[in-house]
Amino acid sequence: MKRIERLILFMISAAALISLGMPSAFAAAPTITSFTPTSGPTNCVVVVTGSAFTDFPGAQTIVDFTLGAVATPATNFVVISATEIWATVPALTPGNSYNIRVTNPAGTTTSTGTFSSTLGAGGCAPTVDSFVPDCAAAGTVVVIAGTNLLRDDGTTIVGGLVRFNPYATDATHTVPDVDTATSLSVIVTSDATDGPVRVTTFAGGTVLSDTDFIVSSSCAALSIASFTPTSGPVGTSVVITGTDFTNVTSVSFNDVNATFTVDSDTQITATVPVGATTGHIAVTTPSGTASSSTNFTVLSGARPAGPSAVFTQTNPDTCLAAGPNGQTAMEQDFTLDAETRVLVYFTFEWGRLNTHKVGHLSMGLDGRPGSEVPSSTWRFSGTVSTQTSGTVMWTFDNVAAGQHRVNVFANVYFIGGNAGSASADVNECALTVFVIPAA
């Protein structure tokens, strides 16, 4: 009985010590395993991971940045869980490297890695990797994924400011707040229009998403409805139809990534890649991935006889404003699975021409010049309204298998007079590459 009484007394004493903030046999000293980012300016928010961060009340925890014997307390910090603390970088000396230290009544831990103080954003700059959904009406909750998405608002640590195009109104964060350094949950503002999403964290600066958020009350879900042809060898051009293709980031044939062009929100043109095998076609956007309901059959052997289009790129607006120094129009990469002959077609219109000039068009393939269109073919004299259009073809023999790049180059100059004033806008351009297999 006395043994039991002693055990009960010990447990009561331990509980009392914990309630008073005193270390006990049940409280562990904190540890730091990592932190991110590892560089940044004053007010950058650092996420510290480790253990035993909640063994004592947060008020009994100290987080500071140390350089030798000098310790500078974090401006703010929040103990999120037993394994995570958010801390705001205090005013440090740029160019110096500091250890991060966490102390509670059970002990002290110091990071093995160092945090580099910078004047600029350093590693604290935010990124936006994706957002879901990527199309929605005002009032919809959107979850943004990225890195370094937290900010210090002067009182505590919260999610970064989010604005939708035209960036006039701060988006409201959802309640209860579920923001983290890698995820923000916000509500689409009533004034939002189509455009990139903007996130600001003050210390890290501002970032715009690479893809647009589409504002609509009738958003179609990402899907693949059909594709044509349904079979073919490597190098076949496949037209994929479906919905929500605007922000497509990748197209794959049975998990092998392909080169592709987004023709519209409902159509993609992709090329069967080297290494592809029979299987589903998949299309990926920041909102997710859609797979075809049927397989694309990859045929072995050479392509069918005759030209086969690798891709077609169009530009209905001005594709270049050519002058005496020239300019490249319609640059495009493509892949060949075997040595072949390549034909390139370029369709164009000249518009808004100055008088008495000569125009040149030339094609380049991987830096090799192609045949230049004779200047006499594109000799003009006339008024501003003069326009000439046509289609020009270049051929390249014995082009090796692998990745290639083609481009069209154009320039104009006066037959006489001040060459510096010669100019022409090239409009309504279309660039198509065909391959002709060896016999």
Protein backbone atom coordinates (compact mmCIF):
# COMPACT_ATOMS: atom_id res chain seq x y z
CA MET A 1 0.00 0.00 0.00
CA LYS A 2 2.81 2.43 0.85
CA ARG A 3 4.41 1.69 -2.53
CA ILE A 4 1.20 2.66 -4.32
CA GLU A 5 0.90 5.80 -2.22
CA ARG A 6 4.48 6.80 -3.11
CA LEU A 7 3.74 6.25 -6.83
CA ILE A 8 0.60 8.40 -6.63
CA LEU A 9 2.54 11.10 -4.78
CA PHE A 10 5.26 11.03 -7.49
CA MET A 11 2.69 11.39 -10.26
CA ILE A 12 1.00 14.31 -8.49
CA SER A 13 4.37 15.99 -8.01
CA ALA A 14 5.28 15.52 -11.69
CA ALA A 15 1.96 16.99 -12.79
CA ALA A 16 2.52 19.94 -10.47
CA LEU A 17 5.98 20.55 -11.89
CA ILE A 18 4.65 20.52 -15.46
CA SER A 19 1.83 22.92 -14.54
CA LEU A 20 4.42 25.24 -13.01
CA GLY A 21 6.62 25.05 -16.11
CA MET A 22 9.28 22.98 -14.43
CA PRO A 23 11.05 20.20 -16.32
CA SER A 24 10.09 16.67 -15.41
CA ALA A 25 10.84 13.14 -16.42
CA PHE A 26 7.91 13.35 -18.86
CA ALA A 27 9.08 16.53 -20.69
CA ALA A 28 11.65 16.29 -23.48
CA ALA A 29 14.12 18.90 -24.61
CA PRO A 30 13.32 20.31 -28.07
CA THR A 31 15.18 19.27 -31.21
CA ILE A 32 15.57 20.99 -34.60
CA THR A 33 15.79 18.76 -37.66
CA SER A 34 15.46 21.37 -40.42
CA PHE A 35 14.13 24.79 -41.39
CA THR A 36 13.04 26.52 -44.60
CA PRO A 37 13.86 28.83 -46.23
CA THR A 38 17.56 29.00 -45.41
CA SER A 39 18.05 32.64 -46.45
CA GLY A 40 16.08 35.84 -46.53
CA PRO A 41 15.69 39.39 -45.17
CA THR A 42 14.18 40.81 -42.00
CA ASN A 43 10.54 39.73 -41.52
CA CYS A 44 10.98 36.59 -43.61
CA VAL A 45 8.92 33.75 -42.09
CA VAL A 46 10.93 30.57 -41.41
CA VAL A 47 9.29 27.19 -40.79
CA VAL A 48 11.28 25.25 -38.18
CA THR A 49 10.67 21.49 -37.86
CA GLY A 50 11.76 19.26 -35.01
CA SER A 51 10.25 17.70 -31.90
CA ALA A 52 8.95 18.44 -28.37
CA PHE A 53 7.83 21.95 -29.28
CA THR A 54 4.58 21.65 -27.30
CA ASP A 55 5.80 19.95 -24.12
CA PHE A 56 5.42 23.32 -22.42
CA PRO A 57 3.10 26.29 -22.98
CA GLY A 58 4.19 28.45 -25.89
CA ALA A 59 4.88 31.36 -23.54
CA GLN A 60 7.71 29.31 -22.03
CA THR A 61 9.40 28.78 -25.41
CA ILE A 62 12.10 31.07 -26.81
CA VAL A 63 13.16 31.20 -30.47
CA ASP A 64 16.16 33.23 -31.45
CA PHE A 65 18.85 33.60 -34.13
CA THR A 66 22.40 33.27 -32.83
CA LEU A 67 25.77 34.39 -34.10
CA GLY A 68 28.45 33.26 -31.72
CA ALA A 69 27.45 34.38 -28.24
CA VAL A 70 24.97 36.97 -29.52
CA ALA A 71 21.32 35.88 -29.65
CA THR A 72 18.62 37.96 -31.37
CA PRO A 73 15.03 36.94 -30.51
CA ALA A 74 12.65 36.19 -33.38
CA THR A 75 10.29 39.11 -34.00
CA ASN A 76 7.31 36.76 -33.77
CA PHE A 77 6.88 33.03 -33.53
CA VAL A 78 3.97 30.62 -33.36
CA VAL A 79 4.20 27.06 -32.03
CA ILE A 80 2.03 25.23 -34.56
CA SER A 81 2.51 21.68 -33.28
CA ALA A 82 4.96 19.44 -31.48
CA THR A 83 7.00 19.32 -34.68
CA GLU A 84 6.59 22.80 -36.23
CA ILE A 85 7.25 26.43 -35.32
CA TRP A 86 6.80 29.50 -37.52
CA ALA A 87 9.32 32.24 -36.72
CA THR A 88 9.81 35.76 -38.11
CA VAL A 89 13.40 36.74 -38.87
CA PRO A 90 14.47 39.75 -36.74
CA ALA A 91 16.74 42.57 -37.89
CA LEU A 92 20.02 40.78 -38.66
CA THR A 93 23.21 41.86 -40.40
CA PRO A 94 23.00 41.08 -44.14
CA GLY A 95 25.76 38.75 -45.26
CA ASN A 96 26.05 36.96 -41.91
CA SER A 97 24.89 33.40 -41.22
CA TYR A 98 22.95 32.57 -38.06
CA ASN A 99 21.98 29.41 -36.23
CA ILE A 100 18.39 29.05 -35.08
CA ARG A 101 17.88 28.16 -31.42
CA VAL A 102 14.78 26.91 -29.59
CA THR A 103 14.66 26.87 -25.79
CA ASN A 104 12.06 25.64 -23.31
CA PRO A 105 12.29 24.65 -19.61
CA ALA A 106 13.46 21.15 -20.58
CA GLY A 107 16.48 22.34 -22.57
CA THR A 108 17.88 24.10 -25.62
CA THR A 109 18.53 22.97 -29.18
CA THR A 110 20.53 24.76 -31.88
CA SER A 111 20.28 24.06 -35.59
CA THR A 112 23.27 22.54 -37.34
CA GLY A 113 22.50 24.51 -40.50
CA THR A 114 22.61 28.29 -40.71
CA PHE A 115 20.22 30.96 -41.95
CA SER A 116 21.83 33.55 -44.26
CA SER A 117 20.65 37.13 -43.77
CA THR A 118 20.07 38.96 -47.07
CA LEU A 119 19.00 42.41 -48.24
CA GLY A 120 16.82 40.99 -51.01
CA ALA A 121 14.25 38.19 -50.90
CA GLY A 122 16.87 35.43 -51.08
CA GLY A 123 15.31 32.04 -50.51
CA CYS A 124 12.27 33.70 -48.93
CA ALA A 125 10.67 34.56 -52.29
CA PRO A 126 7.23 32.95 -52.64
CA THR A 127 6.24 30.63 -55.48
CA VAL A 128 2.84 29.63 -56.84
CA ASP A 129 2.94 26.11 -58.26
CA SER A 130 -0.78 25.51 -58.81
CA PHE A 131 -4.29 26.39 -57.69
CA VAL A 132 -7.45 24.30 -57.47
CA PRO A 133 -9.86 24.82 -59.08
CA ASP A 134 -8.35 26.80 -61.95
CA CYS A 135 -11.77 27.99 -63.12
CA ALA A 136 -14.59 29.16 -60.82
CA ALA A 137 -17.06 31.93 -60.09
CA ALA A 138 -16.66 34.71 -57.53
CA GLY A 139 -17.20 33.45 -53.98
CA THR A 140 -15.59 30.07 -54.67
CA VAL A 141 -12.84 28.77 -52.37
CA VAL A 142 -9.52 28.33 -54.20
CA VAL A 143 -6.55 26.49 -52.69
CA ILE A 144 -3.16 27.81 -53.82
CA ALA A 145 -0.10 25.56 -53.58
CA GLY A 146 3.47 26.83 -53.52
CA THR A 147 6.32 27.70 -51.18
CA ASN A 148 7.09 30.52 -48.70
CA LEU A 149 3.44 31.61 -48.65
CA LEU A 150 3.42 33.03 -45.08
CA ARG A 151 3.89 36.66 -43.98
CA ASP A 152 4.25 38.62 -40.74
CA ASP A 153 1.45 41.18 -40.56
CA GLY A 154 3.13 43.07 -37.71
CA THR A 155 1.17 41.27 -35.03
CA THR A 156 1.32 37.59 -35.86
CA ILE A 157 2.12 35.21 -38.71
CA VAL A 158 -0.60 34.66 -41.32
CA GLY A 159 -1.04 33.61 -44.95
CA GLY A 160 0.26 35.85 -47.72
CA LEU A 161 -1.96 38.45 -49.37
CA VAL A 162 -3.75 37.05 -52.42
CA ARG A 163 -5.29 39.08 -55.23
CA PHE A 164 -7.00 38.00 -58.42
CA ASN A 165 -6.72 40.00 -61.63
CA PRO A 166 -7.05 43.06 -61.81
CA TYR A 167 -5.34 42.99 -58.37
CA ALA A 168 -7.54 45.65 -56.77
CA THR A 169 -8.96 43.69 -53.83
CA ASP A 170 -7.39 41.41 -51.22
CA ALA A 171 -9.00 37.97 -51.24
CA THR A 172 -10.50 36.82 -47.94
CA HIS A 173 -8.81 33.80 -46.39
CA THR A 174 -11.14 30.98 -45.37
CA VAL A 175 -12.26 30.58 -41.77
CA PRO A 176 -11.09 28.65 -39.87
CA ASP A 177 -7.75 29.65 -41.32
CA VAL A 178 -6.03 26.66 -42.90
CA ASP A 179 -3.06 28.51 -44.40
CA THR A 180 0.43 27.02 -44.28
CA ALA A 181 3.78 27.85 -45.84
CA THR A 182 2.82 25.66 -48.82
CA SER A 183 -0.93 26.23 -49.09
CA LEU A 184 -3.34 29.19 -48.98
CA SER A 185 -7.13 28.88 -48.97
CA VAL A 186 -8.91 32.00 -50.23
CA ILE A 187 -12.24 33.13 -51.68
CA VAL A 188 -12.43 34.50 -55.24
CA THR A 189 -13.23 38.23 -55.07
CA SER A 190 -16.29 39.76 -56.70
CA ASP A 191 -14.16 41.92 -59.03
CA ALA A 192 -11.94 39.04 -60.23
CA THR A 193 -11.32 38.57 -63.96
CA ASP A 194 -9.27 36.09 -65.98
CA GLY A 195 -5.55 36.33 -65.27
CA PRO A 196 -2.68 35.12 -63.09
CA VAL A 197 -3.07 34.85 -59.31
CA ARG A 198 -0.83 37.18 -57.27
CA VAL A 199 0.62 36.38 -53.84
CA THR A 200 2.51 38.93 -51.70
CA THR A 201 4.45 38.11 -48.53
CA PHE A 202 6.16 41.52 -48.03
CA ALA A 203 9.60 40.18 -47.00
CA GLY A 204 9.65 37.72 -49.91
CA GLY A 205 8.05 40.05 -52.43
CA THR A 206 5.30 39.33 -54.92
CA VAL A 207 4.82 36.45 -57.35
CA LEU A 208 2.35 35.87 -60.19
CA SER A 209 1.22 32.39 -61.17
CA ASP A 210 2.45 31.05 -64.52
CA THR A 211 -1.10 30.09 -65.49
CA ASP A 212 -4.32 32.06 -65.52
CA PHE A 213 -7.24 31.69 -63.17
CA ILE A 214 -10.45 31.68 -65.23
CA VAL A 215 -13.50 33.39 -63.76
CA SER A 216 -16.74 31.75 -64.89
CA SER A 217 -19.97 30.41 -63.42
CA SER A 218 -20.03 27.58 -65.99
CA CYS A 219 -16.55 26.10 -65.81
CA ALA A 220 -16.12 22.79 -67.61
CA ALA A 221 -14.13 20.13 -65.79
CA LEU A 222 -10.87 18.93 -67.33
CA SER A 223 -11.69 16.04 -69.64
CA ILE A 224 -10.63 14.20 -72.81
CA ALA A 225 -13.57 13.51 -75.11
CA SER A 226 -11.78 11.99 -78.09
CA PHE A 227 -8.57 11.93 -80.13
CA THR A 228 -7.70 11.31 -83.76
CA PRO A 229 -6.09 9.28 -85.18
CA THR A 230 -6.50 6.49 -82.64
CA SER A 231 -3.27 4.76 -83.67
CA GLY A 232 0.05 5.52 -85.29
CA PRO A 233 3.83 5.25 -84.92
CA VAL A 234 6.12 7.54 -82.97
CA GLY A 235 5.98 11.03 -84.47
CA THR A 236 2.28 10.89 -85.34
CA SER A 237 0.40 14.15 -84.82
CA VAL A 238 -2.67 13.54 -82.65
CA VAL A 239 -5.52 16.01 -82.22
CA ILE A 240 -7.08 15.72 -78.73
CA THR A 241 -10.47 17.25 -77.99
CA GLY A 242 -11.98 17.88 -74.57
CA THR A 243 -12.54 20.68 -72.05
CA ASP A 244 -10.52 23.00 -69.79
CA PHE A 245 -7.30 22.78 -71.82
CA THR A 246 -6.30 26.45 -71.33
CA ASN A 247 -3.73 25.81 -68.60
CA VAL A 248 -2.42 22.42 -69.73
CA THR A 249 1.10 21.79 -68.43
CA SER A 250 1.78 18.33 -69.85
CA VAL A 251 0.44 15.70 -72.26
CA SER A 252 1.56 12.09 -72.06
CA PHE A 253 1.10 8.85 -73.98
CA ASN A 254 1.04 5.97 -71.50
CA ASP A 255 3.10 8.06 -69.02
CA VAL A 256 5.67 9.28 -71.59
CA ASN A 257 5.60 13.07 -71.94
CA ALA A 258 4.92 14.48 -75.41
CA THR A 259 5.46 17.81 -77.14
CA PHE A 260 2.15 19.59 -77.64
CA THR A 261 0.42 22.81 -78.63
CA VAL A 262 -2.74 24.11 -76.95
CA ASP A 263 -4.90 25.14 -79.92
CA SER A 264 -7.84 26.26 -77.79
CA ASP A 265 -9.62 25.51 -74.52
CA THR A 266 -11.10 22.43 -76.23
CA GLN A 267 -8.28 21.20 -78.50
CA ILE A 268 -4.64 20.13 -78.19
CA THR A 269 -2.29 18.87 -80.91
CA ALA A 270 0.34 16.47 -79.54
CA THR A 271 3.10 14.36 -81.11
CA VAL A 272 3.51 10.70 -80.12
CA PRO A 273 6.87 10.74 -78.29
CA VAL A 274 9.85 8.42 -78.62
CA GLY A 275 9.43 5.58 -76.09
CA ALA A 276 5.64 5.72 -76.06
CA THR A 277 3.70 2.46 -75.87
CA THR A 278 0.03 1.64 -76.28
CA GLY A 279 -2.05 3.11 -73.47
CA HIS A 280 -4.12 6.05 -72.29
CA ILE A 281 -3.48 9.66 -73.24
CA ALA A 282 -3.32 11.95 -70.20
CA VAL A 283 -3.64 15.73 -69.99
CA THR A 284 -2.52 17.61 -66.87
CA THR A 285 -3.35 21.11 -65.59
CA PRO A 286 -2.82 22.68 -62.15
CA SER A 287 -6.30 21.40 -61.27
CA GLY A 288 -5.49 17.76 -61.94
CA THR A 289 -5.14 15.14 -64.65
CA ALA A 290 -7.65 13.70 -67.12
CA SER A 291 -7.10 10.41 -68.96
CA SER A 292 -8.71 9.14 -72.13
CA SER A 293 -11.29 6.38 -71.75
CA THR A 294 -9.69 4.41 -74.60
CA ASN A 295 -6.10 3.60 -75.53
CA PHE A 296 -3.97 5.14 -78.24
CA THR A 297 -2.28 2.30 -80.11
CA VAL A 298 1.40 2.90 -80.87
CA LEU A 299 2.33 1.14 -84.11
CA SER A 300 5.81 -0.16 -84.80
CA GLY A 301 7.77 0.39 -87.97
CA ALA A 302 8.19 3.39 -90.21
CA ARG A 303 5.62 6.08 -90.74
CA PRO A 304 3.28 5.65 -93.70
CA ALA A 305 4.69 6.88 -97.00
CA GLY A 306 4.16 10.53 -97.72
CA PRO A 307 4.50 13.69 -95.66
CA SER A 308 3.39 13.60 -92.02
CA ALA A 309 2.78 16.84 -90.12
CA VAL A 310 4.82 17.19 -86.94
CA PHE A 311 3.04 20.37 -85.85
CA THR A 312 1.32 23.51 -87.06
CA GLN A 313 1.77 26.79 -85.21
CA THR A 314 -0.40 29.79 -86.03
CA ASN A 315 -0.32 33.44 -85.03
CA PRO A 316 -3.28 35.51 -86.25
CA ASP A 317 -1.78 38.77 -84.97
CA THR A 318 1.52 40.43 -85.77
CA CYS A 319 4.15 37.69 -85.52
CA LEU A 320 7.05 40.09 -86.08
CA ALA A 321 7.81 43.71 -86.88
CA ALA A 322 10.69 43.38 -89.32
CA GLY A 323 13.25 46.10 -89.97
CA PRO A 324 16.79 46.42 -91.33
CA ASN A 325 18.14 44.23 -88.53
CA GLY A 326 15.49 41.61 -89.02
CA GLN A 327 13.60 39.56 -86.46
CA THR A 328 12.77 35.92 -85.84
CA ALA A 329 9.18 34.86 -86.27
CA MET A 330 7.53 31.57 -85.28
CA GLU A 331 10.19 29.62 -83.40
CA GLN A 332 9.26 26.03 -82.54
CA ASP A 333 10.86 22.84 -81.15
CA PHE A 334 9.99 19.37 -82.45
CA THR A 335 11.26 15.79 -82.16
CA LEU A 336 12.15 13.23 -84.85
CA ASP A 337 12.32 9.51 -84.10
CA ALA A 338 14.43 8.71 -87.18
CA GLU A 339 16.61 10.43 -89.77
CA THR A 340 14.36 12.04 -92.35
CA ARG A 341 13.79 14.88 -94.75
CA VAL A 342 12.05 17.93 -93.28
CA LEU A 343 9.80 20.33 -95.15
CA VAL A 344 8.83 23.66 -93.61
CA TYR A 345 5.92 25.76 -94.85
CA PHE A 346 5.51 29.39 -93.79
CA THR A 347 2.34 31.28 -94.72
CA PHE A 348 2.24 35.01 -94.08
CA GLU A 349 0.99 38.47 -94.97
CA TRP A 350 2.97 41.67 -95.17
CA GLY A 351 1.10 44.76 -93.97
CA ARG A 352 1.65 48.42 -93.17
CA LEU A 353 4.66 48.64 -95.49
CA ASN A 354 6.86 51.68 -96.04
CA THR A 355 7.61 52.55 -99.66
CA HIS A 356 10.41 51.23 -101.88
CA LYS A 357 11.72 48.33 -99.89
CA VAL A 358 12.98 44.81 -100.37
CA GLY A 359 11.99 41.95 -98.06
CA HIS A 360 13.85 38.75 -97.25
CA LEU A 361 12.64 35.57 -95.57
CA SER A 362 14.98 32.79 -94.47
CA MET A 363 14.59 29.59 -92.47
CA GLY A 364 16.89 28.19 -89.81
CA LEU A 365 16.97 24.64 -88.49
CA ASP A 366 19.20 24.11 -85.42
CA GLY A 367 21.27 27.10 -86.47
CA ARG A 368 21.71 25.90 -90.07
CA PRO A 369 20.45 28.46 -92.62
CA GLY A 370 17.94 27.28 -95.18
CA SER A 371 17.29 28.70 -98.63
CA GLU A 372 16.64 32.43 -98.59
CA VAL A 373 13.65 33.69 -100.53
CA PRO A 374 15.07 35.76 -103.41
CA SER A 375 14.76 39.48 -102.73
CA SER A 376 13.23 40.06 -106.14
CA THR A 377 10.27 37.94 -105.05
CA TRP A 378 9.44 40.40 -102.27
CA ARG A 379 10.22 43.73 -103.95
CA PHE A 380 7.62 46.40 -103.16
CA SER A 381 6.82 49.98 -103.96
CA GLY A 382 3.57 51.59 -103.06
CA THR A 383 1.50 53.02 -100.28
CA VAL A 384 0.99 52.10 -96.66
CA SER A 385 -1.95 49.90 -97.66
CA THR A 386 0.20 47.64 -99.87
CA GLN A 387 0.04 43.98 -98.77
CA THR A 388 1.54 40.83 -100.19
CA SER A 389 0.91 37.31 -98.94
CA GLY A 390 1.94 33.81 -99.84
CA THR A 391 3.38 30.49 -98.73
CA VAL A 392 7.08 29.68 -98.82
CA MET A 393 8.67 26.23 -98.47
CA TRP A 394 12.13 25.19 -97.32
CA THR A 395 13.56 21.66 -97.31
CA PHE A 396 16.28 20.09 -95.14
CA ASP A 397 17.69 16.66 -96.06
CA ASN A 398 19.13 14.00 -93.76
CA VAL A 399 17.92 15.55 -90.51
CA ALA A 400 18.98 13.27 -87.63
CA ALA A 401 16.63 11.77 -85.04
CA GLY A 402 16.20 13.81 -81.85
CA GLN A 403 15.14 17.28 -80.73
CA HIS A 404 15.26 20.14 -83.26
CA ARG A 405 14.27 23.78 -83.51
CA VAL A 406 13.07 25.72 -86.55
CA ASN A 407 12.52 29.42 -87.01
CA VAL A 408 11.74 31.94 -89.73
CA PHE A 409 13.81 35.11 -90.03
CA ALA A 410 12.69 38.22 -91.92
CA ASN A 411 14.10 41.66 -92.65
CA VAL A 412 13.37 44.62 -94.96
CA TYR A 413 15.32 47.55 -96.33
CA PHE A 414 14.90 50.44 -98.74
CA ILE A 415 15.99 50.09 -102.34
CA GLY A 416 17.48 53.51 -101.80
CA GLY A 417 17.54 56.18 -99.14
CA ASN A 418 17.52 55.81 -95.39
CA ALA A 419 17.67 52.09 -94.64
CA GLY A 420 17.00 52.76 -90.96
CA SER A 421 13.38 53.67 -91.68
CA ALA A 422 12.49 50.48 -93.56
CA SER A 423 9.94 48.36 -91.75
CA ALA A 424 7.08 45.93 -92.23
CA ASP A 425 4.69 44.07 -89.96
CA VAL A 426 4.22 40.39 -90.74
CA ASN A 427 0.71 39.18 -89.93
CA GLU A 428 -1.45 36.06 -90.10
CA CYS A 429 1.51 33.67 -89.85
CA ALA A 430 1.37 29.88 -89.92
CA LEU A 431 4.38 27.58 -89.59
CA THR A 432 4.02 23.87 -90.43
CA VAL A 433 6.70 21.18 -90.33
CA PHE A 434 6.32 17.99 -92.37
CA VAL A 435 8.58 14.96 -92.38
CA ILE A 436 9.10 12.64 -95.32
CA PRO A 437 10.42 9.22 -94.24
CA ALA A 438 13.32 7.68 -96.07
CA ALA A 439 12.25 5.24 -98.77
